[in-house]
């Protein structure tokens, strides 16, 4: 269950998804400032203690997003 300490990456503000409703199986870059230098790629169902819930405005269609994350092959 998501709270201020933990939650799924798909619901975190640092999950660099192009989707307005990221899925658990989606892979995207973690943009958490302390982890960003590692170019960490995570699945939506992953989670950690740096979780911060996405604001409703972040989920709205048409919001500008960062460049898409590279696909892992």
PDB file of N, CA and C in Angstrom:
ATOM      1  N   UNK A   1       0.838  -1.170   0.000  1.00  0.00           N
ATOM      2  CA  UNK A   1       0.000   0.000   0.000  1.00  0.00           C
ATOM      3  C   UNK A   1       0.888   1.240   0.000  1.00  0.00           C
ATOM      4  N   UNK A   2       0.588   2.175  -0.896  1.00  0.00           N
ATOM      5  CA  UNK A   2       1.418   3.376  -1.028  1.00  0.00           C
ATOM      6  C   UNK A   2       1.163   4.342   0.125  1.00  0.00           C
ATOM      7  N   UNK A   3       2.237   4.910   0.633  1.00  0.00           N
ATOM      8  CA  UNK A   3       2.145   5.973   1.627  1.00  0.00           C
ATOM      9  C   UNK A   3       3.271   6.943   1.349  1.00  0.00           C
ATOM     10  N   UNK A   4       3.565   7.824   2.288  1.00  0.00           N
ATOM     11  CA  UNK A   4       4.613   8.817   2.043  1.00  0.00           C
ATOM     12  C   UNK A   4       6.007   8.203   2.030  1.00  0.00           C
ATOM     13  N   UNK A   5       6.163   6.984   2.543  1.00  0.00           N
ATOM     14  CA  UNK A   5       7.483   6.358   2.626  1.00  0.00           C
ATOM     15  C   UNK A   5       7.764   5.364   1.504  1.00  0.00           C
ATOM     16  N   UNK A   6       6.733   4.750   0.968  1.00  0.00           N
ATOM     17  CA  UNK A   6       6.960   3.745  -0.065  1.00  0.00           C
ATOM     18  C   UNK A   6       5.736   3.633  -0.958  1.00  0.00           C
ATOM     19  N   UNK A   7       5.939   3.041  -2.110  1.00  0.00           N
ATOM     20  CA  UNK A   7       4.858   2.845  -3.065  1.00  0.00           C
ATOM     21  C   UNK A   7       5.425   2.315  -4.360  1.00  0.00           C
ATOM     22  N   UNK A   8       4.552   1.979  -5.295  1.00  0.00           N
ATOM     23  CA  UNK A   8       4.990   1.474  -6.590  1.00  0.00           C
ATOM     24  C   UNK A   8       5.539   2.611  -7.451  1.00  0.00           C
ATOM     25  N   UNK A   9       6.566   2.296  -8.208  1.00  0.00           N
ATOM     26  CA  UNK A   9       7.196   3.305  -9.074  1.00  0.00           C
ATOM     27  C   UNK A   9       6.199   3.927 -10.043  1.00  0.00           C
ATOM     28  N   UNK A  10       5.249   3.142 -10.555  1.00  0.00           N
ATOM     29  CA  UNK A  10       4.288   3.672 -11.530  1.00  0.00           C
ATOM     30  C   UNK A  10       3.471   4.829 -10.961  1.00  0.00           C
ATOM     31  N   UNK A  11       3.370   4.916  -9.638  1.00  0.00           N
ATOM     32  CA  UNK A  11       2.609   5.983  -8.988  1.00  0.00           C
ATOM     33  C   UNK A  11       3.500   7.083  -8.425  1.00  0.00           C
ATOM     34  N   UNK A  12       4.802   7.005  -8.689  1.00  0.00           N
ATOM     35  CA  UNK A  12       5.772   7.951  -8.137  1.00  0.00           C
ATOM     36  C   UNK A  12       6.040   9.098  -9.113  1.00  0.00           C
ATOM     37  N   UNK A  13       6.238  10.275  -8.577  1.00  0.00           N
ATOM     38  CA  UNK A  13       6.515  11.452  -9.418  1.00  0.00           C
ATOM     39  C   UNK A  13       7.838  11.337 -10.162  1.00  0.00           C
ATOM     40  N   UNK A  14       8.752  10.493  -9.713  1.00  0.00           N
ATOM     41  CA  UNK A  14      10.062  10.352 -10.342  1.00  0.00           C
ATOM     42  C   UNK A  14      10.096   9.296 -11.442  1.00  0.00           C
ATOM     43  N   UNK A  15       9.001   8.567 -11.654  1.00  0.00           N
ATOM     44  CA  UNK A  15       8.919   7.549 -12.708  1.00  0.00           C
ATOM     45  C   UNK A  15       8.715   8.280 -14.027  1.00  0.00           C
ATOM     46  N   UNK A  16       9.722   8.256 -14.895  1.00  0.00           N
ATOM     47  CA  UNK A  16       9.737   9.066 -16.115  1.00  0.00           C
ATOM     48  C   UNK A  16       8.948   8.386 -17.237  1.00  0.00           C
ATOM     49  N   UNK A  17       7.653   8.257 -17.029  1.00  0.00           N
ATOM     50  CA  UNK A  17       6.775   7.606 -17.998  1.00  0.00           C
ATOM     51  C   UNK A  17       6.151   8.637 -18.926  1.00  0.00           C
ATOM     52  N   UNK A  18       5.927   8.240 -20.163  1.00  0.00           N
ATOM     53  CA  UNK A  18       5.211   9.087 -21.111  1.00  0.00           C
ATOM     54  C   UNK A  18       3.707   8.862 -21.014  1.00  0.00           C
ATOM     55  N   UNK A  19       3.295   7.862 -20.263  1.00  0.00           N
ATOM     56  CA  UNK A  19       1.890   7.503 -20.123  1.00  0.00           C
ATOM     57  C   UNK A  19       1.228   8.310 -19.009  1.00  0.00           C
ATOM     58  N   UNK A  20      -0.050   8.625 -19.198  1.00  0.00           N
ATOM     59  CA  UNK A  20      -0.799   9.290 -18.138  1.00  0.00           C
ATOM     60  C   UNK A  20      -1.199   8.303 -17.047  1.00  0.00           C
ATOM     61  N   UNK A  21      -1.224   7.008 -17.382  1.00  0.00           N
ATOM     62  CA  UNK A  21      -1.542   5.944 -16.423  1.00  0.00           C
ATOM     63  C   UNK A  21      -0.536   4.818 -16.607  1.00  0.00           C
ATOM     64  N   UNK A  22       0.676   4.955 -16.078  1.00  0.00           N
ATOM     65  CA  UNK A  22       1.704   3.925 -16.259  1.00  0.00           C
ATOM     66  C   UNK A  22       1.251   2.572 -15.715  1.00  0.00           C
ATOM     67  N   UNK A  23       1.698   1.512 -16.374  1.00  0.00           N
ATOM     68  CA  UNK A  23       1.357   0.158 -15.939  1.00  0.00           C
ATOM     69  C   UNK A  23       2.485  -0.423 -15.103  1.00  0.00           C
ATOM     70  N   UNK A  24       2.179  -1.493 -14.413  1.00  0.00           N
ATOM     71  CA  UNK A  24       3.175  -2.161 -13.589  1.00  0.00           C
ATOM     72  C   UNK A  24       4.307  -2.756 -14.393  1.00  0.00           C
ATOM     73  N   UNK A  25       4.030  -3.168 -15.625  1.00  0.00           N
ATOM     74  CA  UNK A  25       5.051  -3.776 -16.467  1.00  0.00           C
ATOM     75  C   UNK A  25       5.873  -2.781 -17.272  1.00  0.00           C
ATOM     76  N   UNK A  26       5.501  -1.516 -17.239  1.00  0.00           N
ATOM     77  CA  UNK A  26       6.235  -0.491 -17.994  1.00  0.00           C
ATOM     78  C   UNK A  26       7.616  -0.266 -17.375  1.00  0.00           C
ATOM     79  N   UNK A  27       8.611  -0.061 -18.229  1.00  0.00           N
ATOM     80  CA  UNK A  27       9.977   0.233 -17.797  1.00  0.00           C
ATOM     81  C   UNK A  27      10.255   1.706 -18.103  1.00  0.00           C
ATOM     82  N   UNK A  28      10.755   2.432 -17.115  1.00  0.00           N
ATOM     83  CA  UNK A  28      11.083   3.848 -17.307  1.00  0.00           C
ATOM     84  C   UNK A  28      12.241   4.226 -16.387  1.00  0.00           C
ATOM     85  N   UNK A  29      12.842   5.359 -16.677  1.00  0.00           N
ATOM     86  CA  UNK A  29      13.958   5.848 -15.864  1.00  0.00           C
ATOM     87  C   UNK A  29      13.444   6.442 -14.558  1.00  0.00           C
ATOM     88  N   UNK A  30      14.170   6.180 -13.484  1.00  0.00           N
ATOM     89  CA  UNK A  30      13.890   6.806 -12.191  1.00  0.00           C
ATOM     90  C   UNK A  30      14.610   8.150 -12.168  1.00  0.00           C
ATOM     91  N   UNK A  31      13.861   9.227 -11.950  1.00  0.00           N
ATOM     92  CA  UNK A  31      14.430  10.572 -11.967  1.00  0.00           C
ATOM     93  C   UNK A  31      14.594  11.141 -10.560  1.00  0.00           C
ATOM     94  N   UNK A  32      14.600  10.279  -9.541  1.00  0.00           N
ATOM     95  CA  UNK A  32      14.807  10.739  -8.165  1.00  0.00           C
ATOM     96  C   UNK A  32      16.185  11.383  -8.117  1.00  0.00           C
ATOM     97  N   UNK A  33      16.308  12.619  -7.618  1.00  0.00           N
ATOM     98  CA  UNK A  33      17.572  13.358  -7.696  1.00  0.00           C
ATOM     99  C   UNK A  33      18.803  12.611  -7.178  1.00  0.00           C
ATOM    100  N   UNK A  34      18.681  11.874  -6.093  1.00  0.00           N
ATOM    101  CA  UNK A  34      19.841  11.161  -5.551  1.00  0.00           C
ATOM    102  C   UNK A  34      20.203   9.920  -6.362  1.00  0.00           C
ATOM    103  N   UNK A  35      19.291   9.441  -7.204  1.00  0.00           N
ATOM    104  CA  UNK A  35      19.525   8.230  -7.997  1.00  0.00           C
ATOM    105  C   UNK A  35      19.709   8.519  -9.479  1.00  0.00           C
ATOM    106  N   UNK A  36      19.390   9.725  -9.915  1.00  0.00           N
ATOM    107  CA  UNK A  36      19.376  10.068 -11.336  1.00  0.00           C
ATOM    108  C   UNK A  36      20.720   9.830 -12.025  1.00  0.00           C
ATOM    109  N   UNK A  37      21.824  10.047 -11.339  1.00  0.00           N
ATOM    110  CA  UNK A  37      23.150   9.854 -11.939  1.00  0.00           C
ATOM    111  C   UNK A  37      23.407   8.409 -12.354  1.00  0.00           C
ATOM    112  N   UNK A  38      22.645   7.472 -11.803  1.00  0.00           N
ATOM    113  CA  UNK A  38      22.844   6.055 -12.103  1.00  0.00           C
ATOM    114  C   UNK A  38      22.066   5.587 -13.326  1.00  0.00           C
ATOM    115  N   UNK A  39      21.240   6.460 -13.937  1.00  0.00           N
ATOM    116  CA  UNK A  39      20.391   6.083 -15.073  1.00  0.00           C
ATOM    117  C   UNK A  39      19.623   4.799 -14.780  1.00  0.00           C
ATOM    118  N   UNK A  40      19.062   4.722 -13.595  1.00  0.00           N
ATOM    119  CA  UNK A  40      18.347   3.551 -13.123  1.00  0.00           C
ATOM    120  C   UNK A  40      17.044   3.363 -13.890  1.00  0.00           C
ATOM    121  N   UNK A  41      16.862   2.186 -14.475  1.00  0.00           N
ATOM    122  CA  UNK A  41      15.633   1.820 -15.166  1.00  0.00           C
ATOM    123  C   UNK A  41      14.847   0.895 -14.245  1.00  0.00           C
ATOM    124  N   UNK A  42      13.578   1.203 -14.035  1.00  0.00           N
ATOM    125  CA  UNK A  42      12.750   0.424 -13.118  1.00  0.00           C
ATOM    126  C   UNK A  42      11.409   0.095 -13.760  1.00  0.00           C
ATOM    127  N   UNK A  43      10.798  -0.976 -13.292  1.00  0.00           N
ATOM    128  CA  UNK A  43       9.451  -1.348 -13.727  1.00  0.00           C
ATOM    129  C   UNK A  43       8.431  -0.634 -12.848  1.00  0.00           C
ATOM    130  N   UNK A  44       7.257  -0.433 -13.376  1.00  0.00           N
ATOM    131  CA  UNK A  44       6.203   0.239 -12.624  1.00  0.00           C
ATOM    132  C   UNK A  44       5.835  -0.456 -11.329  1.00  0.00           C
ATOM    133  N   UNK A  45       5.981  -1.787 -11.285  1.00  0.00           N
ATOM    134  CA  UNK A  45       5.659  -2.534 -10.070  1.00  0.00           C
ATOM    135  C   UNK A  45       6.775  -2.519  -9.042  1.00  0.00           C
ATOM    136  N   UNK A  46       7.934  -1.948  -9.384  1.00  0.00           N
ATOM    137  CA  UNK A  46       9.016  -1.817  -8.402  1.00  0.00           C
ATOM    138  C   UNK A  46       8.627  -0.731  -7.398  1.00  0.00           C
ATOM    139  N   UNK A  47       9.427  -0.566  -6.374  1.00  0.00           N
ATOM    140  CA  UNK A  47       9.164   0.475  -5.392  1.00  0.00           C
ATOM    141  C   UNK A  47      10.390   0.709  -4.531  1.00  0.00           C
ATOM    142  N   UNK A  48      10.401   1.811  -3.810  1.00  0.00           N
ATOM    143  CA  UNK A  48      11.507   2.105  -2.907  1.00  0.00           C
ATOM    144  C   UNK A  48      11.055   3.100  -1.849  1.00  0.00           C
ATOM    145  N   UNK A  49      11.956   3.436  -0.936  1.00  0.00           N
ATOM    146  CA  UNK A  49      11.599   4.357   0.144  1.00  0.00           C
ATOM    147  C   UNK A  49      11.771   5.826  -0.241  1.00  0.00           C
ATOM    148  N   UNK A  50      12.118   6.122  -1.495  1.00  0.00           N
ATOM    149  CA  UNK A  50      12.199   7.507  -1.971  1.00  0.00           C
ATOM    150  C   UNK A  50      10.910   7.906  -2.697  1.00  0.00           C
ATOM    151  N   UNK A  51       9.886   7.074  -2.582  1.00  0.00           N
ATOM    152  CA  UNK A  51       8.608   7.286  -3.252  1.00  0.00           C
ATOM    153  C   UNK A  51       7.976   8.621  -2.870  1.00  0.00           C
ATOM    154  N   UNK A  52       7.499   9.333  -3.895  1.00  0.00           N
ATOM    155  CA  UNK A  52       6.669  10.526  -3.709  1.00  0.00           C
ATOM    156  C   UNK A  52       5.532  10.415  -4.709  1.00  0.00           C
ATOM    157  N   UNK A  53       4.311  10.453  -4.226  1.00  0.00           N
ATOM    158  CA  UNK A  53       3.141  10.274  -5.083  1.00  0.00           C
ATOM    159  C   UNK A  53       3.099  11.320  -6.189  1.00  0.00           C
ATOM    160  N   UNK A  54       2.671  10.885  -7.363  1.00  0.00           N
ATOM    161  CA  UNK A  54       2.470  11.795  -8.483  1.00  0.00           C
ATOM    162  C   UNK A  54       1.282  12.683  -8.176  1.00  0.00           C
ATOM    163  N   UNK A  55       1.406  13.959  -8.476  1.00  0.00           N
ATOM    164  CA  UNK A  55       0.292  14.890  -8.314  1.00  0.00           C
ATOM    165  C   UNK A  55      -0.733  14.613  -9.403  1.00  0.00           C
ATOM    166  N   UNK A  56      -1.981  14.919  -9.151  1.00  0.00           N
ATOM    167  CA  UNK A  56      -3.015  14.714 -10.166  1.00  0.00           C
ATOM    168  C   UNK A  56      -2.678  15.476 -11.444  1.00  0.00           C
ATOM    169  N   UNK A  57      -2.067  16.649 -11.325  1.00  0.00           N
ATOM    170  CA  UNK A  57      -1.681  17.427 -12.509  1.00  0.00           C
ATOM    171  C   UNK A  57      -0.669  16.661 -13.349  1.00  0.00           C
ATOM    172  N   UNK A  58       0.187  15.844 -12.708  1.00  0.00           N
ATOM    173  CA  UNK A  58       1.174  15.058 -13.437  1.00  0.00           C
ATOM    174  C   UNK A  58       0.521  13.957 -14.253  1.00  0.00           C
ATOM    175  N   UNK A  59      -0.719  13.596 -13.933  1.00  0.00           N
ATOM    176  CA  UNK A  59      -1.403  12.504 -14.608  1.00  0.00           C
ATOM    177  C   UNK A  59      -2.297  13.009 -15.737  1.00  0.00           C
ATOM    178  N   UNK A  60      -2.439  14.315 -15.879  1.00  0.00           N
ATOM    179  CA  UNK A  60      -3.345  14.868 -16.871  1.00  0.00           C
ATOM    180  C   UNK A  60      -2.786  14.722 -18.275  1.00  0.00           C
ATOM    181  N   UNK A  61      -3.641  14.370 -19.245  1.00  0.00           N
ATOM    182  CA  UNK A  61      -3.169  14.293 -20.628  1.00  0.00           C
ATOM    183  C   UNK A  61      -2.723  15.664 -21.120  1.00  0.00           C
ATOM    184  N   UNK A  62      -1.754  15.681 -21.988  1.00  0.00           N
ATOM    185  CA  UNK A  62      -1.274  16.917 -22.570  1.00  0.00           C
ATOM    186  C   UNK A  62      -0.225  17.639 -21.753  1.00  0.00           C
ATOM    187  N   UNK A  63       0.128  17.103 -20.602  1.00  0.00           N
ATOM    188  CA  UNK A  63       1.184  17.723 -19.800  1.00  0.00           C
ATOM    189  C   UNK A  63       2.520  17.490 -20.478  1.00  0.00           C
ATOM    190  N   UNK A  64       3.388  18.499 -20.519  1.00  0.00           N
ATOM    191  CA  UNK A  64       4.711  18.278 -21.099  1.00  0.00           C
ATOM    192  C   UNK A  64       5.474  17.249 -20.279  1.00  0.00           C
ATOM    193  N   UNK A  65       6.198  16.394 -20.958  1.00  0.00           N
ATOM    194  CA  UNK A  65       6.967  15.333 -20.318  1.00  0.00           C
ATOM    195  C   UNK A  65       8.424  15.468 -20.711  1.00  0.00           C
ATOM    196  N   UNK A  66       9.289  14.814 -19.944  1.00  0.00           N
ATOM    197  CA  UNK A  66      10.691  14.734 -20.317  1.00  0.00           C
ATOM    198  C   UNK A  66      10.804  13.870 -21.562  1.00  0.00           C
ATOM    199  N   UNK A  67      11.976  13.873 -22.165  1.00  0.00           N
ATOM    200  CA  UNK A  67      12.213  13.009 -23.312  1.00  0.00           C
ATOM    201  C   UNK A  67      11.928  11.564 -22.924  1.00  0.00           C
ATOM    202  N   UNK A  68      11.414  10.759 -23.853  1.00  0.00           N
ATOM    203  CA  UNK A  68      11.128   9.365 -23.529  1.00  0.00           C
ATOM    204  C   UNK A  68      12.371   8.628 -23.056  1.00  0.00           C
ATOM    205  N   UNK A  69      12.150   7.716 -22.147  1.00  0.00           N
ATOM    206  CA  UNK A  69      13.247   6.882 -21.663  1.00  0.00           C
ATOM    207  C   UNK A  69      13.674   5.924 -22.764  1.00  0.00           C
ATOM    208  N   UNK A  70      14.971   5.593 -22.847  1.00  0.00           N
ATOM    209  CA  UNK A  70      15.413   4.634 -23.856  1.00  0.00           C
ATOM    210  C   UNK A  70      14.840   3.258 -23.556  1.00  0.00           C
ATOM    211  N   UNK A  71      14.544   2.519 -24.595  1.00  0.00           N
ATOM    212  CA  UNK A  71      14.018   1.167 -24.433  1.00  0.00           C
ATOM    213  C   UNK A  71      15.157   0.213 -24.131  1.00  0.00           C
ATOM    214  N   UNK A  72      14.908  -0.726 -23.243  1.00  0.00           N
ATOM    215  CA  UNK A  72      15.906  -1.745 -22.912  1.00  0.00           C
ATOM    216  C   UNK A  72      15.659  -2.946 -23.817  1.00  0.00           C
ATOM    217  N   UNK A  73      16.700  -3.475 -24.416  1.00  0.00           N
ATOM    218  CA  UNK A  73      16.556  -4.643 -25.301  1.00  0.00           C
ATOM    219  C   UNK A  73      17.235  -5.820 -24.702  1.00  0.00           C
TER     220      UNK A  73
END
